[in-house]
Amino acid sequence: MTILKIEHDAWIVVADGEKALFLRNEGDATYPNLQVFRQMHDDNPATRDQGTDRPGRMPNIGGNHRSAVEETDWHRIEKERFATEIADRLYKLAHRDQFKKLIVVAPPAVLGDMRKEFHKEVSDRIIAEVPKTLTNHPVDQIEKHLLAA
């Protein structure tokens, strides 16, 4: 297992479908000192609170029967949109050369959504991806999880 080294000034983005923390290592690789310098929040209520219509129905071909159409998962769609928003923000910051190294921490589904949206300028700066949900952990616990990754 490779030990994750978080160099001085490396950025860490800890995200899920509703919240993102942008951290910078103010310490060094031996003694990291992560500091939050930006947060993003997204109001993403459950699908039942977002959708008002019942699932649609479609007629079956060649009969008088109708089949139900799967209900739209608005909550999941909003998570994907938020992942795109994070990727866009990182692209703008990378384009201005605000960071050199990036570690991305997110649940696997959100990490996959973000990975699809990352521009090459961002992807080239990613030194590690950690598939975990850490957005509700205090910063010192995030440090411990990353050093154990």
C-alpha atoms as a PDB file:
ATOM      1  CA  MET A   1       0.000   0.000   0.000  1.00  0.00           C
ATOM      2  CA  THR A   2       1.292   3.439  -0.959  1.00  0.00           C
ATOM      3  CA  ILE A   3       1.180   6.127   1.713  1.00  0.00           C
ATOM      4  CA  LEU A   4      -0.582   9.266   0.540  1.00  0.00           C
ATOM      5  CA  LYS A   5       1.733  12.279   0.782  1.00  0.00           C
ATOM      6  CA  ILE A   6      -0.060  15.600   0.998  1.00  0.00           C
ATOM      7  CA  GLU A   7       2.539  18.161  -0.009  1.00  0.00           C
ATOM      8  CA  HIS A   8       2.553  21.787   1.158  1.00  0.00           C
ATOM      9  CA  ASP A   9      -0.043  23.859  -0.759  1.00  0.00           C
ATOM     10  CA  ALA A  10      -1.726  20.738  -2.185  1.00  0.00           C
ATOM     11  CA  TRP A  11      -5.486  21.119  -2.465  1.00  0.00           C
ATOM     12  CA  ILE A  12      -8.006  18.596  -1.236  1.00  0.00           C
ATOM     13  CA  VAL A  13     -11.636  18.674  -2.366  1.00  0.00           C
ATOM     14  CA  VAL A  14     -13.937  16.694  -0.087  1.00  0.00           C
ATOM     15  CA  ALA A  15     -17.372  16.431  -1.678  1.00  0.00           C
ATOM     16  CA  ASP A  16     -20.647  14.595  -1.749  1.00  0.00           C
ATOM     17  CA  GLY A  17     -23.837  15.351  -3.668  1.00  0.00           C
ATOM     18  CA  GLU A  18     -24.733  18.341  -1.508  1.00  0.00           C
ATOM     19  CA  LYS A  19     -21.580  19.799   0.023  1.00  0.00           C
ATOM     20  CA  ALA A  20     -17.986  20.434  -0.992  1.00  0.00           C
ATOM     21  CA  LEU A  21     -15.055  21.539   1.130  1.00  0.00           C
ATOM     22  CA  PHE A  22     -11.944  22.995  -0.461  1.00  0.00           C
ATOM     23  CA  LEU A  23      -8.900  22.530   1.769  1.00  0.00           C
ATOM     24  CA  ARG A  24      -5.254  23.524   1.416  1.00  0.00           C
ATOM     25  CA  ASN A  25      -2.349  21.889   3.217  1.00  0.00           C
ATOM     26  CA  GLU A  26      -0.692  24.691   5.176  1.00  0.00           C
ATOM     27  CA  GLY A  27       1.724  22.171   6.711  1.00  0.00           C
ATOM     28  CA  ASP A  28       4.072  19.782   4.950  1.00  0.00           C
ATOM     29  CA  ALA A  29       3.935  16.160   3.791  1.00  0.00           C
ATOM     30  CA  THR A  30       5.049  14.878   7.211  1.00  0.00           C
ATOM     31  CA  TYR A  31       2.774  17.083   9.314  1.00  0.00           C
ATOM     32  CA  PRO A  32      -0.206  18.156   7.225  1.00  0.00           C
ATOM     33  CA  ASN A  33      -2.307  21.056   8.461  1.00  0.00           C
ATOM     34  CA  LEU A  34      -5.458  21.172   6.344  1.00  0.00           C
ATOM     35  CA  GLN A  35      -7.344  24.450   6.315  1.00  0.00           C
ATOM     36  CA  VAL A  36     -10.768  25.001   4.767  1.00  0.00           C
ATOM     37  CA  PHE A  37     -10.697  28.023   2.461  1.00  0.00           C
ATOM     38  CA  ARG A  38     -13.933  27.535   0.497  1.00  0.00           C
ATOM     39  CA  GLN A  39     -17.225  25.689   0.855  1.00  0.00           C
ATOM     40  CA  MET A  40     -20.009  24.957  -1.590  1.00  0.00           C
ATOM     41  CA  HIS A  41     -23.503  23.905  -0.563  1.00  0.00           C
ATOM     42  CA  ASP A  42     -26.392  22.684  -2.658  1.00  0.00           C
ATOM     43  CA  ASP A  43     -29.962  22.409  -1.428  1.00  0.00           C
ATOM     44  CA  ASN A  44     -30.920  18.939  -2.635  1.00  0.00           C
ATOM     45  CA  PRO A  45     -34.133  17.654  -1.046  1.00  0.00           C
ATOM     46  CA  ALA A  46     -35.284  14.069  -1.509  1.00  0.00           C
ATOM     47  CA  THR A  47     -36.962  13.199  -4.811  1.00  0.00           C
ATOM     48  CA  ARG A  48     -40.353  12.902  -3.080  1.00  0.00           C
ATOM     49  CA  ASP A  49     -40.004  16.554  -2.060  1.00  0.00           C
ATOM     50  CA  GLN A  50     -38.950  17.705  -5.536  1.00  0.00           C
ATOM     51  CA  GLY A  51     -41.352  15.858  -7.816  1.00  0.00           C
ATOM     52  CA  THR A  52     -45.058  16.586  -7.689  1.00  0.00           C
ATOM     53  CA  ASP A  53     -46.409  14.337 -10.420  1.00  0.00           C
ATOM     54  CA  ARG A  54     -47.126  10.646 -10.308  1.00  0.00           C
ATOM     55  CA  PRO A  55     -45.031   8.486 -12.628  1.00  0.00           C
ATOM     56  CA  GLY A  56     -46.342   8.544 -16.185  1.00  0.00           C
ATOM     57  CA  ARG A  57     -47.927   5.660 -18.072  1.00  0.00           C
ATOM     58  CA  MET A  58     -47.409   4.543 -21.651  1.00  0.00           C
ATOM     59  CA  PRO A  59     -49.661   2.385 -23.806  1.00  0.00           C
ATOM     60  CA  ASN A  60     -48.284  -1.029 -24.718  1.00  0.00           C
ATOM     61  CA  ILE A  61     -48.029  -1.685 -28.429  1.00  0.00           C
ATOM     62  CA  GLY A  62     -50.755  -4.030 -29.663  1.00  0.00           C
ATOM     63  CA  GLY A  63     -52.979  -4.013 -26.615  1.00  0.00           C
ATOM     64  CA  ASN A  64     -55.172  -2.064 -24.322  1.00  0.00           C
ATOM     65  CA  HIS A  65     -52.715  -2.250 -21.438  1.00  0.00           C
ATOM     66  CA  ARG A  66     -50.640   0.575 -20.078  1.00  0.00           C
ATOM     67  CA  SER A  67     -47.223   0.322 -18.432  1.00  0.00           C
ATOM     68  CA  ALA A  68     -45.836   2.598 -15.746  1.00  0.00           C
ATOM     69  CA  VAL A  69     -42.845   4.780 -16.553  1.00  0.00           C
ATOM     70  CA  GLU A  70     -40.097   4.877 -13.970  1.00  0.00           C
ATOM     71  CA  GLU A  71     -40.210   7.977 -11.773  1.00  0.00           C
ATOM     72  CA  THR A  72     -37.478  10.552 -12.365  1.00  0.00           C
ATOM     73  CA  ASP A  73     -34.884  10.575  -9.590  1.00  0.00           C
ATOM     74  CA  TRP A  74     -34.565  14.348  -9.140  1.00  0.00           C
ATOM     75  CA  HIS A  75     -32.255  13.911  -6.150  1.00  0.00           C
ATOM     76  CA  ARG A  76     -29.743  11.929  -8.249  1.00  0.00           C
ATOM     77  CA  ILE A  77     -29.985  14.420 -11.120  1.00  0.00           C
ATOM     78  CA  GLU A  78     -29.194  17.273  -8.720  1.00  0.00           C
ATOM     79  CA  LYS A  79     -26.163  15.355  -7.377  1.00  0.00           C
ATOM     80  CA  GLU A  80     -24.868  15.008 -10.939  1.00  0.00           C
ATOM     81  CA  ARG A  81     -25.447  18.730 -11.560  1.00  0.00           C
ATOM     82  CA  PHE A  82     -23.582  19.606  -8.358  1.00  0.00           C
ATOM     83  CA  ALA A  83     -20.649  17.395  -9.403  1.00  0.00           C
ATOM     84  CA  THR A  84     -20.546  19.326 -12.690  1.00  0.00           C
ATOM     85  CA  GLU A  85     -20.575  22.621 -10.763  1.00  0.00           C
ATOM     86  CA  ILE A  86     -17.591  21.478  -8.655  1.00  0.00           C
ATOM     87  CA  ALA A  87     -15.701  20.358 -11.785  1.00  0.00           C
ATOM     88  CA  ASP A  88     -16.397  23.723 -13.449  1.00  0.00           C
ATOM     89  CA  ARG A  89     -15.152  25.631 -10.405  1.00  0.00           C
ATOM     90  CA  LEU A  90     -11.955  23.540 -10.334  1.00  0.00           C
ATOM     91  CA  TYR A  91     -11.434  24.150 -14.050  1.00  0.00           C
ATOM     92  CA  LYS A  92     -11.637  27.923 -13.571  1.00  0.00           C
ATOM     93  CA  LEU A  93      -9.204  27.754 -10.658  1.00  0.00           C
ATOM     94  CA  ALA A  94      -6.798  25.477 -12.551  1.00  0.00           C
ATOM     95  CA  HIS A  95      -6.980  27.756 -15.582  1.00  0.00           C
ATOM     96  CA  ARG A  96      -5.834  30.627 -13.330  1.00  0.00           C
ATOM     97  CA  ASP A  97      -3.076  28.320 -12.013  1.00  0.00           C
ATOM     98  CA  GLN A  98      -4.395  28.533  -8.428  1.00  0.00           C
ATOM     99  CA  PHE A  99      -3.231  25.001  -7.543  1.00  0.00           C
ATOM    100  CA  LYS A 100      -0.639  22.483  -8.705  1.00  0.00           C
ATOM    101  CA  LYS A 101      -1.714  19.258  -6.948  1.00  0.00           C
ATOM    102  CA  LEU A 102      -5.196  18.046  -6.114  1.00  0.00           C
ATOM    103  CA  ILE A 103      -6.643  15.189  -4.076  1.00  0.00           C
ATOM    104  CA  VAL A 104     -10.331  14.421  -4.623  1.00  0.00           C
ATOM    105  CA  VAL A 105     -12.354  12.711  -1.882  1.00  0.00           C
ATOM    106  CA  ALA A 106     -15.957  11.721  -2.595  1.00  0.00           C
ATOM    107  CA  PRO A 107     -18.339   8.760  -2.464  1.00  0.00           C
ATOM    108  CA  PRO A 108     -17.776   6.448  -5.462  1.00  0.00           C
ATOM    109  CA  ALA A 109     -20.869   7.584  -7.417  1.00  0.00           C
ATOM    110  CA  VAL A 110     -20.090  11.290  -6.948  1.00  0.00           C
ATOM    111  CA  LEU A 111     -16.404  10.694  -7.700  1.00  0.00           C
ATOM    112  CA  GLY A 112     -17.438   9.040 -10.963  1.00  0.00           C
ATOM    113  CA  ASP A 113     -19.735  11.942 -11.853  1.00  0.00           C
ATOM    114  CA  MET A 114     -16.961  14.450 -11.158  1.00  0.00           C
ATOM    115  CA  ARG A 115     -14.370  12.412 -13.050  1.00  0.00           C
ATOM    116  CA  LYS A 116     -16.568  12.515 -16.178  1.00  0.00           C
ATOM    117  CA  GLU A 117     -16.709  16.320 -15.966  1.00  0.00           C
ATOM    118  CA  PHE A 118     -13.070  17.098 -15.145  1.00  0.00           C
ATOM    119  CA  HIS A 119     -11.259  19.048 -17.831  1.00  0.00           C
ATOM    120  CA  LYS A 120      -7.748  17.914 -18.753  1.00  0.00           C
ATOM    121  CA  GLU A 121      -6.262  20.895 -16.879  1.00  0.00           C
ATOM    122  CA  VAL A 122      -7.817  19.526 -13.675  1.00  0.00           C
ATOM    123  CA  SER A 123      -7.213  15.819 -14.360  1.00  0.00           C
ATOM    124  CA  ASP A 124      -3.516  16.439 -14.944  1.00  0.00           C
ATOM    125  CA  ARG A 125      -3.205  17.910 -11.431  1.00  0.00           C
ATOM    126  CA  ILE A 126      -4.988  15.091  -9.574  1.00  0.00           C
ATOM    127  CA  ILE A 127      -2.480  13.071  -7.552  1.00  0.00           C
ATOM    128  CA  ALA A 128      -5.014  10.866  -5.722  1.00  0.00           C
ATOM    129  CA  GLU A 129      -8.684   9.979  -5.565  1.00  0.00           C
ATOM    130  CA  VAL A 130     -10.187   8.627  -2.359  1.00  0.00           C
ATOM    131  CA  PRO A 131     -13.635   6.979  -2.659  1.00  0.00           C
ATOM    132  CA  LYS A 132     -15.031   7.906   0.780  1.00  0.00           C
ATOM    133  CA  THR A 133     -17.706  10.118   2.274  1.00  0.00           C
ATOM    134  CA  LEU A 134     -15.918  12.554   4.593  1.00  0.00           C
ATOM    135  CA  THR A 135     -17.867  15.811   4.185  1.00  0.00           C
ATOM    136  CA  ASN A 136     -19.397  15.642   7.665  1.00  0.00           C
ATOM    137  CA  HIS A 137     -16.123  14.825   9.428  1.00  0.00           C
ATOM    138  CA  PRO A 138     -14.081  17.471  11.240  1.00  0.00           C
ATOM    139  CA  VAL A 139     -10.901  18.526   9.462  1.00  0.00           C
ATOM    140  CA  ASP A 140      -8.600  16.639  11.852  1.00  0.00           C
ATOM    141  CA  GLN A 141     -10.506  13.404  11.088  1.00  0.00           C
ATOM    142  CA  ILE A 142     -10.251  14.094   7.350  1.00  0.00           C
ATOM    143  CA  GLU A 143      -6.468  14.402   7.791  1.00  0.00           C
ATOM    144  CA  LYS A 144      -6.348  11.048   9.609  1.00  0.00           C
ATOM    145  CA  HIS A 145      -8.431   9.317   6.932  1.00  0.00           C
ATOM    146  CA  LEU A 146      -6.278  10.708   4.153  1.00  0.00           C
ATOM    147  CA  LEU A 147      -3.024   9.711   5.823  1.00  0.00           C
ATOM    148  CA  ALA A 148      -4.414   6.197   6.299  1.00  0.00           C
ATOM    149  CA  ALA A 149      -5.610   5.970   2.686  1.00  0.00           C
END
